[in-house]
Amino acid sequence: MQYIRVLIVEDHSALANNLAEFFDDTHYQLDFASDGLTALHLMSTHDYDVIVMDVMLPGISGVELCKRLRRDLGKSTPLIFMTAKDQLIDKEEGFAAGADDYLVKPFHLRELQLRIDALSKRVQKIAFGETHSIAGFLFDVDTGMVKHEDGGSTILIGLAADIFKELLSYYPKMISYEQLVDNVWNEKEVDMNTIRTHVYGLRKQLQEAFGYGVIKTYHGKGYRLLGKGEVQGS
């Protein structure tokens, strides 16, 4: 049986103990870190299927750890923030740092389990070596590298890579909000601000790399990928 390997980064021992008891060793292998430095060491030396991380940690904050995971370590490991910080601005900061999900305390452990399972399955669906060449873009799913026939390149990780892959697969058609949620998040309900935040971050990264607005928004409906020749008439 294949295990789901999870790193839990939580400085409250009572919650950490509850998580250890809830996730039996039949399906999960858990590592624990109670501070930012320990978590950074484990993230740099081990490969995990999912990382579950508190935001407020001693040493290095969860937000900073997430940025280092993406920027310095170059890892796209799915990451869930679990935190008592429930304001929209907190969620925006978390997603902007590179998080894939955000769970507000207190929560049911079963809900966390469902989110871990969903993220691990989403990663397994990505085929290594799969390459897409559409609308002038060449996208390598294995590495996350996006290149354009007119020049420029960037590397996408996490949900940004998943969203871009869906935009490519629907091109030249629009992908609706509902289709995006079903294909990327595998959940029935995802906060609209979560979708907008992730697409905004992806759009900004692509525009910086390729010099034009790659994603068109259809307000209240969804999004569509644009080739360079489509920009003026879109």
Protein backbone atom coordinates (compact mmCIF):
# COMPACT_ATOMS: atom_id res chain seq x y z
CA MET A 1 0.00 0.00 0.00
CA GLN A 2 1.26 3.45 -0.92
CA TYR A 3 1.58 5.90 1.96
CA ILE A 4 0.81 9.60 1.83
CA ARG A 5 3.82 11.29 3.40
CA VAL A 6 2.85 14.44 5.29
CA LEU A 7 4.89 17.07 7.12
CA ILE A 8 2.98 18.70 9.99
CA VAL A 9 4.41 22.05 11.12
CA GLU A 10 2.66 23.01 14.36
CA ASP A 11 4.04 24.45 17.60
CA HIS A 12 1.01 23.61 19.78
CA SER A 13 1.76 20.16 21.16
CA ALA A 14 -1.89 19.31 21.93
CA LEU A 15 -2.96 19.78 18.31
CA ALA A 16 0.13 17.96 17.06
CA ASN A 17 -0.72 15.01 19.31
CA ASN A 18 -4.32 14.98 18.09
CA LEU A 19 -3.12 14.88 14.50
CA ALA A 20 -0.70 12.05 15.27
CA GLU A 21 -3.51 10.00 16.82
CA PHE A 22 -6.03 10.73 14.06
CA PHE A 23 -3.82 9.89 11.08
CA ASP A 24 -3.11 6.20 11.52
CA ASP A 25 0.00 4.63 10.04
CA THR A 26 -2.01 2.50 7.59
CA HIS A 27 -2.29 5.27 5.00
CA TYR A 28 -0.10 8.12 6.25
CA GLN A 29 3.49 8.71 7.28
CA LEU A 30 3.82 11.86 9.37
CA ASP A 31 6.84 13.97 10.23
CA PHE A 32 6.51 16.81 12.73
CA ALA A 33 8.24 20.16 13.23
CA SER A 34 7.43 22.58 16.04
CA ASP A 35 9.39 25.58 14.73
CA GLY A 36 10.34 27.20 11.46
CA LEU A 37 14.00 26.20 11.35
CA THR A 38 13.23 22.51 11.90
CA ALA A 39 10.54 22.67 9.22
CA LEU A 40 12.93 24.32 6.75
CA HIS A 41 15.50 21.57 7.35
CA LEU A 42 12.93 18.81 6.82
CA MET A 43 11.52 20.45 3.68
CA SER A 44 15.00 20.76 2.19
CA THR A 45 16.07 17.18 2.94
CA HIS A 46 12.85 15.21 2.38
CA ASP A 47 10.14 14.94 -0.25
CA TYR A 48 6.57 15.08 1.02
CA ASP A 49 3.24 14.52 -0.69
CA VAL A 50 1.56 17.29 1.33
CA ILE A 51 2.73 19.87 3.90
CA VAL A 52 0.34 21.11 6.60
CA MET A 53 1.62 24.26 8.27
CA ASP A 54 0.61 26.74 10.94
CA VAL A 55 1.15 30.39 10.03
CA MET A 56 2.33 31.69 13.39
CA LEU A 57 5.48 29.73 14.27
CA PRO A 58 8.57 30.38 16.38
CA GLY A 59 11.70 31.17 14.38
CA ILE A 60 10.32 31.59 10.86
CA SER A 61 6.69 32.29 10.06
CA GLY A 62 4.66 29.88 7.98
CA VAL A 63 4.25 32.46 5.23
CA GLU A 64 8.02 32.95 4.98
CA LEU A 65 8.55 29.18 5.02
CA CYS A 66 6.12 28.78 2.15
CA LYS A 67 7.97 31.44 0.15
CA ARG A 68 11.29 29.70 0.78
CA LEU A 69 9.81 26.34 -0.20
CA ARG A 70 8.73 27.76 -3.56
CA ARG A 71 11.50 30.26 -4.24
CA ASP A 72 14.67 28.85 -2.67
CA LEU A 73 13.99 25.10 -2.65
CA GLY A 74 12.05 25.15 -5.92
CA LYS A 75 9.53 22.60 -4.64
CA SER A 76 5.88 22.46 -5.70
CA THR A 77 4.75 20.26 -2.79
CA PRO A 78 1.06 21.00 -2.03
CA LEU A 79 0.84 23.10 1.13
CA ILE A 80 -2.14 23.70 3.42
CA PHE A 81 -2.10 26.53 5.93
CA MET A 82 -4.03 25.81 9.15
CA THR A 83 -4.39 28.93 11.25
CA ALA A 84 -6.66 31.00 13.45
CA LYS A 85 -6.04 34.01 11.16
CA ASP A 86 -9.36 34.11 9.33
CA GLN A 87 -9.41 37.52 7.65
CA LEU A 88 -9.48 37.76 3.86
CA ILE A 89 -6.21 39.70 3.86
CA ASP A 90 -4.57 36.82 5.75
CA LYS A 91 -5.82 34.32 3.19
CA GLU A 92 -4.62 36.51 0.33
CA GLU A 93 -1.17 36.68 1.92
CA GLY A 94 -1.09 32.91 2.30
CA PHE A 95 -2.10 32.17 -1.26
CA ALA A 96 0.25 34.84 -2.60
CA ALA A 97 3.11 33.11 -0.76
CA GLY A 98 2.36 29.90 -2.66
CA ALA A 99 -0.12 27.97 -0.49
CA ASP A 100 -2.56 25.59 -2.16
CA ASP A 101 -5.22 25.57 0.56
CA TYR A 102 -6.18 27.46 3.72
CA LEU A 103 -7.99 25.92 6.70
CA VAL A 104 -9.17 28.11 9.57
CA LYS A 105 -8.94 26.85 13.16
CA PRO A 106 -10.86 25.30 14.79
CA PHE A 107 -11.63 22.62 12.22
CA HIS A 108 -12.71 18.99 12.08
CA LEU A 109 -9.78 16.63 11.60
CA ARG A 110 -11.81 14.77 9.00
CA GLU A 111 -11.96 17.94 6.89
CA LEU A 112 -8.18 18.24 7.02
CA GLN A 113 -7.91 14.60 5.99
CA LEU A 114 -10.18 15.17 2.99
CA ARG A 115 -8.10 18.14 1.89
CA ILE A 116 -4.84 16.19 2.26
CA ASP A 117 -6.25 13.30 0.26
CA ALA A 118 -7.54 15.61 -2.49
CA LEU A 119 -4.20 17.42 -2.86
CA SER A 120 -2.19 14.20 -2.93
CA LYS A 121 -4.48 12.77 -5.65
CA ARG A 122 -4.20 15.95 -7.72
CA VAL A 123 -0.42 15.69 -7.72
CA GLN A 124 -0.52 12.02 -8.70
CA LYS A 125 -2.65 12.86 -11.75
CA ILE A 126 0.11 15.02 -13.27
CA ALA A 127 1.95 12.83 -15.75
CA PHE A 128 5.74 13.15 -15.75
CA GLY A 129 7.22 14.18 -19.06
CA GLU A 130 3.85 15.36 -20.41
CA THR A 131 4.31 18.34 -22.71
CA HIS A 132 1.70 20.67 -24.19
CA SER A 133 2.28 23.00 -27.16
CA ILE A 134 -0.72 25.29 -27.63
CA ALA A 135 -1.32 28.94 -28.60
CA GLY A 136 2.41 29.55 -29.00
CA PHE A 137 3.22 28.15 -25.56
CA LEU A 138 5.30 25.09 -24.80
CA PHE A 139 4.49 23.76 -21.31
CA ASP A 140 6.42 20.91 -19.71
CA VAL A 141 4.26 19.49 -16.91
CA ASP A 142 7.22 17.61 -15.44
CA THR A 143 9.35 20.69 -14.81
CA GLY A 144 6.68 23.41 -14.82
CA MET A 145 8.65 25.27 -17.51
CA VAL A 146 6.61 27.51 -19.83
CA LYS A 147 8.19 28.90 -22.98
CA HIS A 148 6.76 30.97 -25.81
CA GLU A 149 7.67 30.71 -29.46
CA ASP A 150 8.34 34.48 -29.48
CA GLY A 151 10.70 34.24 -26.53
CA GLY A 152 10.53 34.35 -22.77
CA SER A 153 10.11 31.62 -20.17
CA THR A 154 9.00 31.06 -16.59
CA ILE A 155 8.52 28.16 -14.20
CA LEU A 156 5.10 27.48 -12.70
CA ILE A 157 4.59 25.52 -9.49
CA GLY A 158 1.67 24.24 -7.46
CA LEU A 159 -1.79 25.48 -8.33
CA ALA A 160 -0.41 27.98 -10.84
CA ALA A 161 0.83 25.07 -12.97
CA ASP A 162 -2.48 23.23 -12.61
CA ILE A 163 -4.55 26.27 -13.60
CA PHE A 164 -2.33 26.99 -16.61
CA LYS A 165 -2.63 23.37 -17.75
CA GLU A 166 -6.43 23.65 -17.64
CA LEU A 167 -6.37 26.92 -19.59
CA LEU A 168 -4.27 25.18 -22.24
CA SER A 169 -6.55 22.15 -22.39
CA TYR A 170 -9.65 24.32 -22.97
CA TYR A 171 -8.01 26.67 -25.50
CA PRO A 172 -9.41 28.38 -27.55
CA LYS A 173 -12.54 28.05 -25.44
CA MET A 174 -13.23 29.59 -22.05
CA ILE A 175 -13.01 27.48 -18.91
CA SER A 176 -15.80 28.27 -16.45
CA TYR A 177 -15.33 28.79 -12.73
CA GLU A 178 -17.14 25.52 -12.10
CA GLN A 179 -14.91 23.57 -14.50
CA LEU A 180 -11.80 25.10 -12.95
CA VAL A 181 -12.90 24.11 -9.45
CA ASP A 182 -13.80 20.57 -10.53
CA ASN A 183 -10.54 20.00 -12.42
CA VAL A 184 -8.07 21.73 -10.11
CA TRP A 185 -9.51 21.68 -6.59
CA ASN A 186 -11.66 18.54 -6.83
CA GLU A 187 -14.15 20.15 -4.44
CA LYS A 188 -17.76 21.24 -4.79
CA GLU A 189 -17.25 24.63 -3.15
CA VAL A 190 -14.23 26.91 -3.34
CA ASP A 191 -14.31 30.54 -2.25
CA MET A 192 -14.38 32.81 -5.30
CA ASN A 193 -11.68 34.99 -3.79
CA THR A 194 -9.43 31.92 -3.65
CA ILE A 195 -9.85 31.39 -7.40
CA ARG A 196 -9.33 35.08 -8.20
CA THR A 197 -6.20 35.28 -6.04
CA HIS A 198 -4.56 32.29 -7.73
CA VAL A 199 -5.47 33.44 -11.24
CA TYR A 200 -4.26 36.97 -10.46
CA GLY A 201 -0.89 35.61 -9.33
CA LEU A 202 -0.62 33.42 -12.44
CA ARG A 203 -1.62 36.27 -14.76
CA LYS A 204 0.98 38.57 -13.20
CA GLN A 205 3.76 35.98 -13.53
CA LEU A 206 2.90 35.24 -17.16
CA GLN A 207 2.64 38.92 -18.09
CA GLU A 208 6.07 39.61 -16.60
CA ALA A 209 7.54 36.68 -18.53
CA PHE A 210 5.88 37.21 -21.92
CA GLY A 211 4.98 40.90 -22.01
CA TYR A 212 1.23 40.71 -22.56
CA GLY A 213 -1.99 39.76 -20.78
CA VAL A 214 -2.11 35.99 -21.30
CA ILE A 215 -5.37 35.39 -19.42
CA LYS A 216 -8.67 37.06 -20.26
CA THR A 217 -11.37 37.28 -17.58
CA TYR A 218 -15.02 36.81 -18.46
CA HIS A 219 -16.64 38.37 -15.40
CA GLY A 220 -19.06 36.05 -13.71
CA LYS A 221 -18.20 33.22 -16.12
CA GLY A 222 -14.55 32.16 -16.23
CA TYR A 223 -11.20 32.61 -17.99
CA ARG A 224 -9.58 32.04 -21.36
CA LEU A 225 -6.00 31.75 -22.57
CA LEU A 226 -4.95 34.27 -25.22
CA GLY A 227 -2.34 33.96 -27.92
CA LYS A 228 -0.37 37.12 -28.75
CA GLY A 229 -2.33 37.62 -31.97
CA GLU A 230 -5.61 37.66 -30.08
CA VAL A 231 -4.83 40.48 -27.65
CA GLN A 232 -5.97 43.46 -29.71
CA GLY A 233 -9.21 41.84 -30.77
CA SER A 234 -10.08 40.32 -27.40
